[in-house]
Amino acid sequence: MSTGSIFLLPNGTWFVELAVVVIILWVVTKYALPMLNAAIEARQDKIRTALAAADEARAAADAAGDERARVLNEAREQARDIVTNAQALSDQVKAESGARGQAEYDRIVAQANAEVAAARQRAIDEASARIGEIVFELVAKVVGREVDQSAHQDLVREAVAALNAEAQRESNR
């Protein structure tokens, strides 16, 4: 039996290999692991900072959302007030326009009534003057002689007064 064939027994290469593995582990733990640990810790710090910033941003976004909602509600209230004021102003302008229109209508109707009354009075005055002349001529023809002018004028004045009274009653209707 040769010692070279038993693989469970350590030989010189095994000890060399073991020494190389131990040296590699020592180099890794001495130089590589501290650099890896520093990189990992730096990465963890960045992640913690990013999470804190995200929490702050979320809180700021929530606050901004609340502020936006408050501003939006204020804007809605202002819009409602503007619409209410515009409606009130519209109603006021409409009422004033209606009142001005009614006043103008009343003024035009009153002016037209005054013009009609004046025209009626002129027509009555003209007719009464003409009737007086016609009656005087008719009486002169019927009687065939001259009639007293002063007596005739009294009769004409009474007739005109009666016509005026009748015209006044009609205009009051």
N, C-alpha and C. Protein backbone atom coordinates (compact mmCIF):
# COMPACT_ATOMS: atom_id res chain seq x y z
N MET A 1 0.82 -1.14 0.00
CA MET A 1 0.00 0.00 0.00
C MET A 1 0.88 1.23 0.00
N SER A 2 0.58 1.92 -0.85
CA SER A 2 1.40 3.12 -0.95
C SER A 2 0.66 4.28 -0.32
N THR A 3 1.40 5.17 0.22
CA THR A 3 0.79 6.30 0.89
C THR A 3 0.23 7.29 -0.10
N GLY A 4 0.61 7.22 -1.29
CA GLY A 4 0.12 8.15 -2.29
C GLY A 4 -1.27 7.81 -2.72
N SER A 5 -1.71 6.62 -2.45
CA SER A 5 -3.02 6.25 -2.93
C SER A 5 -4.12 6.52 -1.91
N ILE A 6 -3.81 6.74 -0.70
CA ILE A 6 -4.84 7.00 0.30
C ILE A 6 -5.11 8.52 0.28
N PHE A 7 -6.26 8.83 -0.06
CA PHE A 7 -6.53 10.25 -0.23
C PHE A 7 -6.99 10.91 1.06
N LEU A 8 -7.33 10.18 2.06
CA LEU A 8 -7.77 10.75 3.31
C LEU A 8 -6.60 11.21 4.18
N LEU A 9 -5.47 10.73 3.89
CA LEU A 9 -4.32 11.14 4.66
C LEU A 9 -3.75 12.42 4.07
N PRO A 10 -3.55 13.41 4.88
CA PRO A 10 -3.01 14.65 4.31
C PRO A 10 -1.54 14.49 3.91
N ASN A 11 -1.21 15.11 2.82
CA ASN A 11 0.16 15.10 2.38
C ASN A 11 0.66 16.54 2.33
N GLY A 12 1.74 16.80 1.75
CA GLY A 12 2.37 18.12 1.73
C GLY A 12 1.57 19.15 0.93
N THR A 13 0.98 18.72 -0.16
CA THR A 13 0.21 19.67 -0.98
C THR A 13 -1.04 20.13 -0.24
N TRP A 14 -1.52 19.21 0.54
CA TRP A 14 -2.73 19.59 1.27
C TRP A 14 -2.41 20.71 2.25
N PHE A 15 -1.29 20.63 2.91
CA PHE A 15 -0.90 21.65 3.85
C PHE A 15 -0.60 22.96 3.13
N VAL A 16 -0.04 22.89 1.97
CA VAL A 16 0.24 24.09 1.17
C VAL A 16 -1.09 24.71 0.74
N GLU A 17 -1.96 23.88 0.30
CA GLU A 17 -3.27 24.39 -0.12
C GLU A 17 -4.01 25.01 1.06
N LEU A 18 -3.93 24.36 2.20
CA LEU A 18 -4.56 24.89 3.39
C LEU A 18 -3.94 26.24 3.75
N ALA A 19 -2.65 26.36 3.65
CA ALA A 19 -1.96 27.61 3.96
C ALA A 19 -2.38 28.70 2.97
N VAL A 20 -2.49 28.34 1.71
CA VAL A 20 -2.91 29.32 0.69
C VAL A 20 -4.33 29.79 0.98
N VAL A 21 -5.23 28.88 1.33
CA VAL A 21 -6.62 29.25 1.63
C VAL A 21 -6.66 30.15 2.86
N VAL A 22 -5.87 29.84 3.88
CA VAL A 22 -5.85 30.66 5.09
C VAL A 22 -5.31 32.05 4.76
N ILE A 23 -4.26 32.12 3.94
CA ILE A 23 -3.68 33.42 3.56
C ILE A 23 -4.72 34.22 2.76
N ILE A 24 -5.39 33.56 1.86
CA ILE A 24 -6.42 34.25 1.05
C ILE A 24 -7.54 34.75 1.95
N LEU A 25 -7.96 33.93 2.90
CA LEU A 25 -9.02 34.36 3.83
C LEU A 25 -8.55 35.54 4.67
N TRP A 26 -7.25 35.46 5.12
CA TRP A 26 -6.74 36.55 5.93
C TRP A 26 -6.67 37.85 5.11
N VAL A 27 -6.24 37.79 3.83
CA VAL A 27 -6.15 38.97 2.96
C VAL A 27 -7.56 39.51 2.70
N VAL A 28 -8.48 38.60 2.46
CA VAL A 28 -9.86 39.03 2.19
C VAL A 28 -10.42 39.72 3.42
N THR A 29 -10.24 39.15 4.60
CA THR A 29 -10.80 39.76 5.80
C THR A 29 -10.06 41.02 6.19
N LYS A 30 -8.80 41.12 5.89
CA LYS A 30 -8.01 42.28 6.26
C LYS A 30 -8.25 43.46 5.32
N TYR A 31 -8.32 43.18 4.01
CA TYR A 31 -8.40 44.28 3.05
C TYR A 31 -9.73 44.36 2.32
N ALA A 32 -10.24 43.25 1.84
CA ALA A 32 -11.44 43.27 1.00
C ALA A 32 -12.70 43.48 1.83
N LEU A 33 -12.82 42.77 2.95
CA LEU A 33 -14.04 42.90 3.75
C LEU A 33 -14.24 44.30 4.32
N PRO A 34 -13.22 44.98 4.82
CA PRO A 34 -13.47 46.34 5.29
C PRO A 34 -13.95 47.26 4.18
N MET A 35 -13.39 47.10 2.98
CA MET A 35 -13.86 47.93 1.86
C MET A 35 -15.30 47.58 1.51
N LEU A 36 -15.62 46.28 1.50
CA LEU A 36 -17.00 45.87 1.21
C LEU A 36 -17.94 46.35 2.30
N ASN A 37 -17.51 46.23 3.58
CA ASN A 37 -18.35 46.71 4.68
C ASN A 37 -18.57 48.22 4.59
N ALA A 38 -17.53 48.96 4.25
CA ALA A 38 -17.67 50.42 4.11
C ALA A 38 -18.64 50.74 2.97
N ALA A 39 -18.52 50.02 1.87
CA ALA A 39 -19.43 50.25 0.74
C ALA A 39 -20.87 49.90 1.12
N ILE A 40 -21.01 48.80 1.86
CA ILE A 40 -22.36 48.39 2.28
C ILE A 40 -22.95 49.42 3.24
N GLU A 41 -22.11 49.88 4.19
CA GLU A 41 -22.60 50.88 5.14
C GLU A 41 -22.94 52.19 4.44
N ALA A 42 -22.11 52.59 3.46
CA ALA A 42 -22.40 53.80 2.69
C ALA A 42 -23.72 53.64 1.93
N ARG A 43 -23.90 52.48 1.36
CA ARG A 43 -25.15 52.21 0.63
C ARG A 43 -26.34 52.23 1.59
N GLN A 44 -26.18 51.66 2.79
CA GLN A 44 -27.24 51.67 3.78
C GLN A 44 -27.57 53.11 4.22
N ASP A 45 -26.49 53.92 4.37
CA ASP A 45 -26.72 55.32 4.74
C ASP A 45 -27.49 56.06 3.64
N LYS A 46 -27.10 55.79 2.38
CA LYS A 46 -27.83 56.41 1.26
C LYS A 46 -29.29 55.97 1.25
N ILE A 47 -29.52 54.70 1.50
CA ILE A 47 -30.90 54.19 1.52
C ILE A 47 -31.68 54.83 2.67
N ARG A 48 -31.05 54.93 3.88
CA ARG A 48 -31.73 55.57 5.01
C ARG A 48 -32.05 57.03 4.69
N THR A 49 -31.07 57.71 4.08
CA THR A 49 -31.28 59.12 3.71
C THR A 49 -32.41 59.24 2.67
N ALA A 50 -32.40 58.34 1.71
CA ALA A 50 -33.44 58.37 0.67
C ALA A 50 -34.81 58.08 1.27
N LEU A 51 -34.86 57.12 2.21
CA LEU A 51 -36.14 56.81 2.88
C LEU A 51 -36.63 58.00 3.71
N ALA A 52 -35.69 58.66 4.42
CA ALA A 52 -36.07 59.83 5.20
C ALA A 52 -36.56 60.95 4.27
N ALA A 53 -35.85 61.14 3.17
CA ALA A 53 -36.27 62.16 2.21
C ALA A 53 -37.63 61.81 1.61
N ALA A 54 -37.85 60.52 1.36
CA ALA A 54 -39.15 60.10 0.82
C ALA A 54 -40.26 60.35 1.84
N ASP A 55 -39.97 60.06 3.12
CA ASP A 55 -40.96 60.35 4.17
C ASP A 55 -41.26 61.84 4.25
N GLU A 56 -40.20 62.66 4.19
CA GLU A 56 -40.39 64.11 4.22
C GLU A 56 -41.17 64.58 2.99
N ALA A 57 -40.83 64.03 1.84
CA ALA A 57 -41.54 64.40 0.62
C ALA A 57 -43.01 63.99 0.69
N ARG A 58 -43.26 62.80 1.26
CA ARG A 58 -44.64 62.35 1.42
C ARG A 58 -45.40 63.30 2.35
N ALA A 59 -44.75 63.67 3.47
CA ALA A 59 -45.39 64.61 4.40
C ALA A 59 -45.62 65.96 3.73
N ALA A 60 -44.63 66.42 2.97
CA ALA A 60 -44.79 67.69 2.25
C ALA A 60 -45.89 67.58 1.20
N ALA A 61 -45.96 66.44 0.52
CA ALA A 61 -47.02 66.24 -0.48
C ALA A 61 -48.39 66.22 0.18
N ASP A 62 -48.47 65.57 1.35
CA ASP A 62 -49.74 65.56 2.09
C ASP A 62 -50.12 66.98 2.50
N ALA A 63 -49.13 67.73 3.00
CA ALA A 63 -49.39 69.11 3.40
C ALA A 63 -49.78 69.95 2.18
N ALA A 64 -49.08 69.73 1.08
CA ALA A 64 -49.41 70.47 -0.14
C ALA A 64 -50.80 70.08 -0.63
N GLY A 65 -51.15 68.80 -0.50
CA GLY A 65 -52.50 68.36 -0.89
C GLY A 65 -53.55 69.02 -0.03
N ASP A 66 -53.29 69.12 1.27
CA ASP A 66 -54.23 69.81 2.17
C ASP A 66 -54.33 71.28 1.80
N GLU A 67 -53.19 71.90 1.53
CA GLU A 67 -53.18 73.32 1.14
C GLU A 67 -53.92 73.51 -0.19
N ARG A 68 -53.67 72.59 -1.13
CA ARG A 68 -54.35 72.67 -2.43
C ARG A 68 -55.86 72.55 -2.24
N ALA A 69 -56.28 71.62 -1.38
CA ALA A 69 -57.71 71.44 -1.13
C ALA A 69 -58.30 72.69 -0.48
N ARG A 70 -57.54 73.29 0.45
CA ARG A 70 -58.02 74.51 1.12
C ARG A 70 -58.15 75.65 0.11
N VAL A 71 -57.11 75.82 -0.72
CA VAL A 71 -57.14 76.88 -1.73
C VAL A 71 -58.27 76.62 -2.73
N LEU A 72 -58.46 75.38 -3.11
CA LEU A 72 -59.54 75.03 -4.04
C LEU A 72 -60.89 75.35 -3.44
N ASN A 73 -61.08 75.02 -2.16
CA ASN A 73 -62.35 75.34 -1.49
C ASN A 73 -62.57 76.85 -1.41
N GLU A 74 -61.49 77.60 -1.11
CA GLU A 74 -61.61 79.06 -1.09
C GLU A 74 -61.99 79.59 -2.47
N ALA A 75 -61.37 79.04 -3.50
CA ALA A 75 -61.67 79.47 -4.87
C ALA A 75 -63.13 79.17 -5.21
N ARG A 76 -63.61 78.01 -4.77
CA ARG A 76 -65.01 77.66 -5.03
C ARG A 76 -65.94 78.63 -4.31
N GLU A 77 -65.61 78.97 -3.06
CA GLU A 77 -66.43 79.92 -2.30
C GLU A 77 -66.43 81.28 -2.99
N GLN A 78 -65.26 81.72 -3.45
CA GLN A 78 -65.18 83.00 -4.16
C GLN A 78 -65.99 82.94 -5.44
N ALA A 79 -65.93 81.82 -6.15
CA ALA A 79 -66.71 81.68 -7.39
C ALA A 79 -68.20 81.74 -7.08
N ARG A 80 -68.61 81.07 -5.98
CA ARG A 80 -70.03 81.13 -5.60
C ARG A 80 -70.44 82.56 -5.26
N ASP A 81 -69.58 83.27 -4.52
CA ASP A 81 -69.87 84.66 -4.18
C ASP A 81 -69.98 85.52 -5.43
N ILE A 82 -69.06 85.30 -6.37
CA ILE A 82 -69.09 86.07 -7.61
C ILE A 82 -70.37 85.80 -8.37
N VAL A 83 -70.75 84.53 -8.47
CA VAL A 83 -71.98 84.18 -9.18
C VAL A 83 -73.19 84.78 -8.48
N THR A 84 -73.21 84.72 -7.14
CA THR A 84 -74.33 85.29 -6.37
C THR A 84 -74.40 86.80 -6.59
N ASN A 85 -73.25 87.46 -6.52
CA ASN A 85 -73.23 88.91 -6.73
C ASN A 85 -73.64 89.26 -8.15
N ALA A 86 -73.18 88.48 -9.12
CA ALA A 86 -73.55 88.74 -10.51
C ALA A 86 -75.05 88.55 -10.71
N GLN A 87 -75.62 87.53 -10.08
CA GLN A 87 -77.06 87.29 -10.20
C GLN A 87 -77.83 88.45 -9.56
N ALA A 88 -77.37 88.90 -8.38
CA ALA A 88 -78.03 90.02 -7.71
C ALA A 88 -77.93 91.28 -8.55
N LEU A 89 -76.75 91.52 -9.12
CA LEU A 89 -76.58 92.69 -9.98
C LEU A 89 -77.46 92.59 -11.21
N SER A 90 -77.54 91.39 -11.77
CA SER A 90 -78.40 91.18 -12.94
C SER A 90 -79.86 91.46 -12.58
N ASP A 91 -80.29 90.95 -11.43
CA ASP A 91 -81.67 91.20 -11.00
C ASP A 91 -81.91 92.69 -10.77
N GLN A 92 -80.92 93.36 -10.17
CA GLN A 92 -81.05 94.80 -9.91
C GLN A 92 -81.14 95.57 -11.22
N VAL A 93 -80.25 95.24 -12.17
CA VAL A 93 -80.26 95.93 -13.47
C VAL A 93 -81.58 95.66 -14.19
N LYS A 94 -82.05 94.41 -14.09
CA LYS A 94 -83.32 94.06 -14.72
C LYS A 94 -84.46 94.85 -14.11
N ALA A 95 -84.48 94.96 -12.78
CA ALA A 95 -85.54 95.71 -12.11
C ALA A 95 -85.46 97.19 -12.46
N GLU A 96 -84.23 97.74 -12.47
CA GLU A 96 -84.07 99.15 -12.82
C GLU A 96 -84.49 99.40 -14.26
N SER A 97 -84.10 98.49 -15.14
CA SER A 97 -84.49 98.65 -16.55
C SER A 97 -86.01 98.58 -16.70
N GLY A 98 -86.62 97.65 -15.97
CA GLY A 98 -88.08 97.54 -16.01
C GLY A 98 -88.73 98.80 -15.48
N ALA A 99 -88.19 99.34 -14.39
CA ALA A 99 -88.76 100.56 -13.81
C ALA A 99 -88.57 101.74 -14.77
N ARG A 100 -87.38 101.83 -15.38
CA ARG A 100 -87.16 102.92 -16.35
C ARG A 100 -88.08 102.75 -17.55
N GLY A 101 -88.23 101.51 -17.99
CA GLY A 101 -89.12 101.26 -19.14
C GLY A 101 -90.56 101.62 -18.79
N GLN A 102 -91.01 101.24 -17.58
CA GLN A 102 -92.37 101.56 -17.16
C GLN A 102 -92.54 103.07 -17.03
N ALA A 103 -91.53 103.75 -16.46
CA ALA A 103 -91.61 105.21 -16.33
C ALA A 103 -91.67 105.87 -17.70
N GLU A 104 -90.84 105.38 -18.62
CA GLU A 104 -90.86 105.94 -19.98
C GLU A 104 -92.21 105.68 -20.64
N TYR A 105 -92.73 104.47 -20.45
CA TYR A 105 -94.05 104.13 -20.99
C TYR A 105 -95.11 105.07 -20.41
N ASP A 106 -95.09 105.24 -19.09
CA ASP A 106 -96.07 106.12 -18.44
C ASP A 106 -95.94 107.55 -18.94
N ARG A 107 -94.68 108.01 -19.13
CA ARG A 107 -94.47 109.38 -19.62
C ARG A 107 -95.01 109.53 -21.04
N ILE A 108 -94.74 108.53 -21.89
CA ILE A 108 -95.22 108.60 -23.28
C ILE A 108 -96.74 108.56 -23.32
N VAL A 109 -97.34 107.67 -22.50
CA VAL A 109 -98.81 107.59 -22.47
C VAL A 109 -99.40 108.90 -21.96
N ALA A 110 -98.81 109.48 -20.90
CA ALA A 110 -99.32 110.74 -20.37
C ALA A 110 -99.18 111.85 -21.40
N GLN A 111 -98.05 111.87 -22.10
CA GLN A 111 -97.85 112.89 -23.13
C GLN A 111 -98.86 112.70 -24.27
N ALA A 112 -99.08 111.43 -24.65
CA ALA A 112 -100.05 111.16 -25.73
C ALA A 112 -101.45 111.57 -25.27
N ASN A 113 -101.80 111.25 -24.01
CA ASN A 113 -103.12 111.66 -23.51
C ASN A 113 -103.25 113.17 -23.49
N ALA A 114 -102.17 113.87 -23.09
CA ALA A 114 -102.20 115.33 -23.07
C ALA A 114 -102.36 115.88 -24.48
N GLU A 115 -101.64 115.27 -25.43
CA GLU A 115 -101.76 115.73 -26.82
C GLU A 115 -103.17 115.46 -27.36
N VAL A 116 -103.73 114.30 -27.01
CA VAL A 116 -105.10 113.99 -27.46
C VAL A 116 -106.08 114.96 -26.83
N ALA A 117 -105.91 115.23 -25.54
CA ALA A 117 -106.82 116.17 -24.88
C ALA A 117 -106.70 117.56 -25.49
N ALA A 118 -105.46 117.98 -25.77
CA ALA A 118 -105.26 119.30 -26.39
C ALA A 118 -105.87 119.33 -27.79
N ALA A 119 -105.68 118.26 -28.56
CA ALA A 119 -106.25 118.21 -29.90
C ALA A 119 -107.77 118.22 -29.83
N ARG A 120 -108.34 117.48 -28.86
CA ARG A 120 -109.79 117.44 -28.68
C ARG A 120 -110.30 118.83 -28.32
N GLN A 121 -109.56 119.50 -27.41
CA GLN A 121 -109.99 120.84 -27.01
C GLN A 121 -109.91 121.81 -28.18
N ARG A 122 -108.85 121.71 -28.99
CA ARG A 122 -108.75 122.57 -30.18
C ARG A 122 -109.90 122.29 -31.13
N ALA A 123 -110.20 120.99 -31.31
CA ALA A 123 -111.30 120.63 -32.22
C ALA A 123 -112.62 121.17 -31.68
N ILE A 124 -112.82 121.06 -30.36
CA ILE A 124 -114.06 121.57 -29.77
C ILE A 124 -114.13 123.08 -29.91
N ASP A 125 -112.99 123.75 -29.64
CA ASP A 125 -112.97 125.21 -29.76
C ASP A 125 -113.26 125.64 -31.20
N GLU A 126 -112.62 124.96 -32.15
CA GLU A 126 -112.85 125.29 -33.56
C GLU A 126 -114.30 124.99 -33.95
N ALA A 127 -114.78 123.83 -33.49
CA ALA A 127 -116.16 123.48 -33.83
C ALA A 127 -117.14 124.43 -33.18
N SER A 128 -116.88 124.81 -31.93
CA SER A 128 -117.81 125.72 -31.26
C SER A 128 -117.80 127.08 -31.92
N ALA A 129 -116.62 127.55 -32.35
CA ALA A 129 -116.56 128.84 -33.05
C ALA A 129 -117.31 128.74 -34.38
N ARG A 130 -117.11 127.66 -35.05
CA ARG A 130 -117.78 127.48 -36.35
C ARG A 130 -119.27 127.27 -36.16
N ILE A 131 -119.65 126.52 -35.10
CA ILE A 131 -121.08 126.30 -34.84
C ILE A 131 -121.77 127.61 -34.54
N GLY A 132 -121.08 128.47 -33.77
CA GLY A 132 -121.66 129.78 -33.45
C GLY A 132 -121.96 130.57 -34.72
N GLU A 133 -121.03 130.55 -35.64
CA GLU A 133 -121.24 131.28 -36.90
C GLU A 133 -122.39 130.65 -37.70
N ILE A 134 -122.38 129.31 -37.77
CA ILE A 134 -123.42 128.62 -38.55
C ILE A 134 -124.79 128.86 -37.94
N VAL A 135 -124.88 128.78 -36.62
CA VAL A 135 -126.17 128.99 -35.94
C VAL A 135 -126.65 130.42 -36.17
N PHE A 136 -125.72 131.36 -36.06
CA PHE A 136 -126.10 132.76 -36.27
C PHE A 136 -126.63 132.97 -37.69
N GLU A 137 -125.93 132.39 -38.69
CA GLU A 137 -126.38 132.52 -40.07
C GLU A 137 -127.74 131.82 -40.27
N LEU A 138 -127.90 130.65 -39.65
CA LEU A 138 -129.14 129.90 -39.77
C LEU A 138 -130.29 130.65 -39.14
N VAL A 139 -130.06 131.19 -37.98
CA VAL A 139 -131.12 131.96 -37.30
C VAL A 139 -131.48 133.17 -38.13
N ALA A 140 -130.47 133.84 -38.69
CA ALA A 140 -130.73 135.03 -39.50
C ALA A 140 -131.55 134.65 -40.72
N LYS A 141 -131.28 133.47 -41.29
CA LYS A 141 -132.03 133.05 -42.48
C LYS A 141 -133.44 132.63 -42.09
N VAL A 142 -133.58 131.94 -40.99
CA VAL A 142 -134.89 131.45 -40.59
C VAL A 142 -135.76 132.63 -40.16
N VAL A 143 -135.24 133.46 -39.36
CA VAL A 143 -136.03 134.56 -38.85
C VAL A 143 -136.16 135.61 -39.94
N GLY A 144 -135.15 135.76 -40.70
CA GLY A 144 -135.19 136.69 -41.80
C GLY A 144 -134.85 138.09 -41.36
N ARG A 145 -134.39 138.25 -40.25
CA ARG A 145 -133.98 139.57 -39.81
C ARG A 145 -132.75 139.43 -38.94
N GLU A 146 -132.24 140.51 -38.53
CA GLU A 146 -131.02 140.50 -37.73
C GLU A 146 -131.34 140.12 -36.31
N VAL A 147 -130.45 139.33 -35.77
CA VAL A 147 -130.60 138.90 -34.39
C VAL A 147 -129.60 139.69 -33.57
N ASP A 148 -129.96 139.91 -32.35
CA ASP A 148 -129.07 140.67 -31.49
C ASP A 148 -127.79 139.86 -31.26
N GLN A 149 -126.68 140.47 -31.65
CA GLN A 149 -125.38 139.79 -31.57
C GLN A 149 -125.01 139.45 -30.13
N SER A 150 -125.24 140.27 -29.17
CA SER A 150 -124.84 140.01 -27.78
C SER A 150 -125.66 138.86 -27.19
N ALA A 151 -126.95 138.79 -27.51
CA ALA A 151 -127.78 137.69 -27.03
C ALA A 151 -127.29 136.39 -27.66
N HIS A 152 -126.97 136.50 -28.90
CA HIS A 152 -126.47 135.32 -29.60
C HIS A 152 -125.15 134.84 -28.98
N GLN A 153 -124.24 135.73 -28.65
CA GLN A 153 -122.97 135.36 -28.04
C GLN A 153 -123.19 134.66 -26.70
N ASP A 154 -124.15 135.09 -25.92
CA ASP A 154 -124.46 134.44 -24.65
C ASP A 154 -124.91 132.99 -24.90
N LEU A 155 -125.75 132.79 -25.90
CA LEU A 155 -126.22 131.44 -26.22
C LEU A 155 -125.04 130.57 -26.67
N VAL A 156 -124.17 131.14 -27.48
CA VAL A 156 -123.00 130.37 -27.97
C VAL A 156 -122.09 130.02 -26.80
N ARG A 157 -121.86 130.93 -25.87
CA ARG A 157 -121.01 130.63 -24.71
C ARG A 157 -121.60 129.51 -23.87
N GLU A 158 -122.91 129.52 -23.70
CA GLU A 158 -123.55 128.44 -22.95
C GLU A 158 -123.39 127.11 -23.67
N ALA A 159 -123.52 127.11 -24.98
CA ALA A 159 -123.35 125.88 -25.75
C ALA A 159 -121.91 125.38 -25.67
N VAL A 160 -120.96 126.29 -25.75
CA VAL A 160 -119.55 125.92 -25.66
C VAL A 160 -119.25 125.37 -24.27
N ALA A 161 -119.79 125.99 -23.23
CA ALA A 161 -119.57 125.50 -21.87
C ALA A 161 -120.14 124.10 -21.72
N ALA A 162 -121.30 123.85 -22.30
CA ALA A 162 -121.89 122.51 -22.24
C ALA A 162 -121.02 121.50 -22.98
N LEU A 163 -120.51 121.89 -24.14
CA LEU A 163 -119.62 121.00 -24.90
C LEU A 163 -118.34 120.71 -24.11
N ASN A 164 -117.78 121.73 -23.48
CA ASN A 164 -116.57 121.54 -22.68
C ASN A 164 -116.83 120.59 -21.51
N ALA A 165 -117.95 120.76 -20.85
CA ALA A 165 -118.29 119.89 -19.73
C ALA A 165 -118.44 118.45 -20.20
N GLU A 166 -119.06 118.26 -21.35
CA GLU A 166 -119.24 116.91 -21.89
C GLU A 166 -117.88 116.32 -22.28
N ALA A 167 -117.01 117.12 -22.87
CA ALA A 167 -115.66 116.65 -23.25
C ALA A 167 -114.86 116.29 -21.99
N GLN A 168 -115.04 117.07 -20.96
CA GLN A 168 -114.34 116.78 -19.70
C GLN A 168 -114.80 115.46 -19.10
N ARG A 169 -116.08 115.17 -19.16
CA ARG A 169 -116.61 113.91 -18.64
C ARG A 169 -116.05 112.73 -19.45
N GLU A 170 -115.96 112.90 -20.76
CA GLU A 170 -115.42 111.83 -21.61
C GLU A 170 -113.94 111.59 -21.34
N SER A 171 -113.19 112.65 -21.12
CA SER A 171 -111.75 112.48 -20.87
C SER A 171 -111.48 111.85 -19.51
N ASN A 172 -112.40 112.00 -18.55
CA ASN A 172 -112.23 111.38 -17.23
C ASN A 172 -112.53 109.89 -17.29
N ARG A 173 -113.20 109.43 -18.27
CA ARG A 173 -113.50 108.00 -18.39
C ARG A 173 -112.26 107.31 -18.76
